[in-house]
């Protein structure tokens, strides 16, 4: 078996709009995703409502998550949070380039 090394900050299309998702690792228990957001916010009325608990960290940039009910969670580089399963949430806004890492526990 060969062990490879990759860089979390490589290949994230500096000039793109919206969001780009890349699954870094997945098995029957966990899914790890890199998300790159470019001045992004979720569409009006759109909410994530996930069956799994989600751990999320901002590696680069800033972001604000809106939790159903009105809570705004401000996040800067290095900040992380746990979003319990079926907690409706959306991206309120991100900086020009925000790099996230999410871990979904199945």
Protein backbone atom coordinates (compact mmCIF):
# COMPACT_ATOMS: atom_id res chain seq x y z
CA UNK A 1 0.00 0.00 0.00
CA UNK A 2 1.23 3.47 -0.90
CA UNK A 3 0.79 6.42 1.47
CA UNK A 4 0.29 9.77 -0.26
CA UNK A 5 0.41 13.34 0.99
CA UNK A 6 -1.92 16.06 -0.26
CA UNK A 7 -2.41 19.70 0.75
CA UNK A 8 -5.76 20.88 2.14
CA UNK A 9 -5.29 24.31 0.55
CA UNK A 10 -4.48 23.09 -2.98
CA UNK A 11 -6.93 23.19 -5.87
CA UNK A 12 -9.69 25.46 -4.67
CA UNK A 13 -10.29 27.72 -7.69
CA UNK A 14 -9.42 31.13 -6.30
CA UNK A 15 -11.78 33.03 -8.64
CA UNK A 16 -14.91 30.85 -8.44
CA UNK A 17 -18.29 31.92 -7.11
CA UNK A 18 -20.46 29.84 -4.80
CA UNK A 19 -19.19 26.68 -3.13
CA UNK A 20 -17.14 23.65 -4.07
CA UNK A 21 -17.35 20.36 -2.11
CA UNK A 22 -14.64 17.68 -2.13
CA UNK A 23 -14.90 14.42 -0.19
CA UNK A 24 -11.48 13.72 1.32
CA UNK A 25 -12.36 10.48 3.12
CA UNK A 26 -15.47 8.38 3.64
CA UNK A 27 -16.35 5.04 5.19
CA UNK A 28 -19.42 3.57 6.90
CA UNK A 29 -18.88 5.67 10.05
CA UNK A 30 -17.61 9.06 8.90
CA UNK A 31 -17.39 11.44 5.95
CA UNK A 32 -14.74 14.20 5.81
CA UNK A 33 -15.29 17.02 3.35
CA UNK A 34 -13.38 20.11 2.31
CA UNK A 35 -15.66 22.99 1.32
CA UNK A 36 -14.42 26.12 -0.40
CA UNK A 37 -16.83 29.07 -0.35
CA UNK A 38 -16.40 32.27 -2.35
CA UNK A 39 -18.49 35.16 -0.96
CA UNK A 40 -21.28 32.63 -0.55
CA UNK A 41 -24.62 32.54 1.21
CA UNK A 42 -27.29 29.85 1.04
CA UNK A 43 -30.29 30.67 -1.16
CA UNK A 44 -33.21 32.36 0.60
CA UNK A 45 -35.40 29.75 2.27
CA UNK A 46 -32.79 26.95 1.92
CA UNK A 47 -31.85 25.00 5.06
CA UNK A 48 -29.50 22.07 5.66
CA UNK A 49 -31.24 19.43 7.81
CA UNK A 50 -28.79 16.55 8.13
CA UNK A 51 -29.36 13.13 9.67
CA UNK A 52 -25.79 13.08 11.02
CA UNK A 53 -24.02 15.17 13.61
CA UNK A 54 -21.54 17.54 11.91
CA UNK A 55 -18.25 18.95 13.18
CA UNK A 56 -17.09 21.97 11.18
CA UNK A 57 -13.95 24.15 11.31
CA UNK A 58 -12.95 27.25 9.36
CA UNK A 59 -9.36 26.79 8.17
CA UNK A 60 -9.15 30.01 6.15
CA UNK A 61 -11.36 33.07 5.94
CA UNK A 62 -14.52 33.81 7.90
CA UNK A 63 -18.11 32.62 7.87
CA UNK A 64 -21.44 33.06 9.58
CA UNK A 65 -23.93 30.24 10.01
CA UNK A 66 -27.60 30.94 10.65
CA UNK A 67 -29.40 28.45 12.86
CA UNK A 68 -33.17 28.08 12.47
CA UNK A 69 -34.75 30.32 15.09
CA UNK A 70 -32.41 33.22 14.37
CA UNK A 71 -29.06 32.43 16.04
CA UNK A 72 -26.06 33.65 14.00
CA UNK A 73 -22.80 31.77 14.64
CA UNK A 74 -19.77 33.86 13.60
CA UNK A 75 -16.66 31.81 12.75
CA UNK A 76 -13.07 32.88 12.05
CA UNK A 77 -9.94 30.92 11.18
CA UNK A 78 -9.49 28.11 13.68
CA UNK A 79 -13.03 28.27 15.04
CA UNK A 80 -14.98 25.03 15.10
CA UNK A 81 -18.46 23.98 16.09
CA UNK A 82 -20.61 20.87 16.42
CA UNK A 83 -23.97 21.01 14.68
CA UNK A 84 -26.31 18.42 16.19
CA UNK A 85 -28.25 16.16 13.83
CA UNK A 86 -31.43 17.69 12.38
CA UNK A 87 -30.40 21.21 13.42
CA UNK A 88 -31.60 23.32 10.54
CA UNK A 89 -28.84 25.68 9.44
CA UNK A 90 -27.63 27.67 6.46
CA UNK A 91 -24.64 29.72 5.38
CA UNK A 92 -25.45 33.36 6.09
CA UNK A 93 -22.21 34.62 4.49
CA UNK A 94 -18.55 33.84 3.90
CA UNK A 95 -15.50 35.91 3.11
CA UNK A 96 -14.11 36.08 -0.42
CA UNK A 97 -12.43 32.69 0.07
CA UNK A 98 -13.37 30.49 3.03
CA UNK A 99 -11.95 26.98 3.41
CA UNK A 100 -13.91 24.68 5.71
CA UNK A 101 -13.36 21.13 6.88
CA UNK A 102 -16.44 19.15 7.91
CA UNK A 103 -16.74 15.77 9.54
CA UNK A 104 -20.12 14.02 9.34
CA UNK A 105 -20.50 11.28 11.95
CA UNK A 106 -22.84 8.60 10.61
